[in-house]
Amino acid sequence: MFGFIIRLLIGAAGLWLAAFLIHGIHYDSLLALIIAAAILGVANAIVRPILIILTLPISILTLGLFLFVVNGAVFWLVGQLPFGFHVDGLLNAILGAIVTGLVSWIGHAIFGFHKVERTS
């Protein structure tokens, strides 16, 4: 449970930084950021793998650069839901996905979520 809360706060911090740095991303309240972080986590777990499989030929042709568009599309999709987090356009969504991904990567590295525990 503690890990889930930390991951949610890391995601919300990434969304806050994206909204701070990118003019086309904005939110109405702190609660909207937390809800957006939760929905983005679910969307990244369910929708993103499906989109990656469907766009695999394009991703191979572009040497993986099309994955930025896929991540941006998922980010944009979350911004279109009516709960107080807004994303204006796909380019802003791609930039927001990059910022959020970097914050998430750094946060998970700091808290050690990628470490494998040995039980021997």
Protein backbone atom coordinates (compact mmCIF):
# COMPACT_ATOMS: atom_id res chain seq x y z
CA MET A 1 0.00 0.00 0.00
CA PHE A 2 2.85 2.38 0.85
CA GLY A 3 4.48 1.66 -2.52
CA PHE A 4 1.25 2.49 -4.34
CA ILE A 5 0.97 5.85 -2.57
CA ILE A 6 4.60 6.71 -3.35
CA ARG A 7 4.11 5.78 -7.02
CA LEU A 8 0.95 7.88 -7.16
CA LEU A 9 2.74 10.88 -5.63
CA ILE A 10 5.66 10.48 -8.05
CA GLY A 11 3.20 10.45 -10.95
CA ALA A 12 1.42 13.53 -9.58
CA ALA A 13 4.78 15.30 -9.20
CA GLY A 14 5.58 14.49 -12.83
CA LEU A 15 2.25 15.86 -13.97
CA TRP A 16 2.76 18.99 -11.87
CA LEU A 17 6.20 19.58 -13.39
CA ALA A 18 4.81 19.00 -16.89
CA ALA A 19 2.04 21.55 -16.22
CA PHE A 20 4.63 23.97 -14.84
CA LEU A 21 6.99 23.66 -17.81
CA ILE A 22 4.57 23.27 -20.73
CA HIS A 23 2.07 25.99 -21.51
CA GLY A 24 -0.58 23.68 -23.02
CA ILE A 25 -0.96 21.49 -19.91
CA HIS A 26 -2.93 22.75 -16.94
CA TYR A 27 -4.97 21.50 -14.00
CA ASP A 28 -7.71 22.83 -11.77
CA SER A 29 -6.71 21.45 -8.37
CA LEU A 30 -4.30 19.17 -6.55
CA LEU A 31 -7.00 16.51 -6.43
CA ALA A 32 -7.22 16.65 -10.22
CA LEU A 33 -3.47 15.97 -10.42
CA ILE A 34 -3.74 12.94 -8.15
CA ILE A 35 -6.72 11.59 -10.09
CA ALA A 36 -4.86 12.19 -13.37
CA ALA A 37 -1.83 10.33 -12.01
CA ALA A 38 -4.00 7.36 -11.06
CA ILE A 39 -5.79 7.30 -14.42
CA LEU A 40 -2.50 7.72 -16.29
CA GLY A 41 -1.09 4.74 -14.39
CA VAL A 42 -4.07 2.59 -15.35
CA ALA A 43 -3.95 3.81 -18.96
CA ASN A 44 -0.23 3.04 -19.16
CA ALA A 45 -0.92 -0.46 -17.84
CA ILE A 46 -3.88 -1.25 -20.13
CA VAL A 47 -4.13 1.03 -23.17
CA ARG A 48 -0.42 1.66 -23.88
CA PRO A 49 0.56 -2.02 -24.43
CA ILE A 50 -2.32 -2.43 -26.88
CA LEU A 51 -1.24 0.67 -28.81
CA ILE A 52 2.37 -0.51 -28.84
CA ILE A 53 1.38 -3.84 -30.37
CA LEU A 54 -0.90 -2.19 -32.95
CA THR A 55 1.78 0.29 -34.00
CA LEU A 56 4.72 -2.13 -33.89
CA PRO A 57 5.48 -1.95 -37.65
CA ILE A 58 5.63 1.86 -37.54
CA SER A 59 7.77 1.74 -34.42
CA ILE A 60 10.21 -0.63 -36.11
CA LEU A 61 10.41 1.59 -39.21
CA THR A 62 11.09 4.68 -37.10
CA LEU A 63 13.57 2.83 -34.86
CA GLY A 64 11.31 3.28 -31.83
CA LEU A 65 10.75 7.02 -32.18
CA PHE A 66 7.03 6.46 -32.80
CA LEU A 67 6.76 5.34 -29.16
CA PHE A 68 6.95 9.02 -28.23
CA VAL A 69 3.73 9.51 -30.19
CA VAL A 70 2.12 6.49 -28.49
CA ASN A 71 3.07 7.81 -25.04
CA GLY A 72 1.80 11.25 -26.02
CA ALA A 73 -1.47 9.78 -27.26
CA VAL A 74 -2.08 8.06 -23.92
CA PHE A 75 -1.18 11.29 -22.08
CA TRP A 76 -3.51 13.28 -24.35
CA LEU A 77 -6.30 10.74 -23.79
CA VAL A 78 -6.05 11.24 -20.02
CA GLY A 79 -6.16 14.99 -20.55
CA GLN A 80 -9.42 14.71 -22.47
CA LEU A 81 -11.33 13.17 -19.57
CA PRO A 82 -13.52 15.72 -17.73
CA PHE A 83 -12.07 15.88 -14.21
CA GLY A 84 -9.83 18.95 -14.12
CA PHE A 85 -6.63 17.96 -15.96
CA HIS A 86 -6.34 19.42 -19.46
CA VAL A 87 -3.93 18.87 -22.35
CA ASP A 88 -4.12 21.12 -25.42
CA GLY A 89 -2.85 19.23 -28.45
CA LEU A 90 -0.72 16.20 -29.24
CA LEU A 91 2.61 18.03 -29.24
CA ASN A 92 2.00 19.27 -25.69
CA ALA A 93 0.99 15.74 -24.75
CA ILE A 94 4.21 14.28 -26.18
CA LEU A 95 6.30 16.83 -24.29
CA GLY A 96 4.28 16.21 -21.12
CA ALA A 97 4.76 12.46 -21.46
CA ILE A 98 8.52 12.98 -21.76
CA VAL A 99 8.64 15.19 -18.65
CA THR A 100 6.39 12.86 -16.66
CA GLY A 101 8.38 9.83 -17.76
CA LEU A 102 11.67 11.41 -16.69
CA VAL A 103 10.29 12.38 -13.28
CA SER A 104 8.86 8.89 -12.86
CA TRP A 105 12.16 7.28 -13.85
CA ILE A 106 14.13 9.42 -11.38
CA GLY A 107 11.57 8.91 -8.60
CA HIS A 108 11.50 5.16 -9.03
CA ALA A 109 15.30 5.04 -9.07
CA ILE A 110 15.45 7.03 -5.82
CA PHE A 111 12.90 4.87 -4.03
CA GLY A 112 14.29 1.63 -5.49
CA PHE A 113 11.14 0.22 -7.07
CA HIS A 114 13.14 -1.57 -9.77
CA LYS A 115 15.30 -3.60 -7.42
CA VAL A 116 14.74 -7.35 -7.36
CA GLU A 117 14.67 -8.86 -3.89
CA ARG A 118 16.32 -12.23 -3.39
CA THR A 119 14.66 -14.70 -1.06
CA SER A 120 17.45 -17.26 -0.73
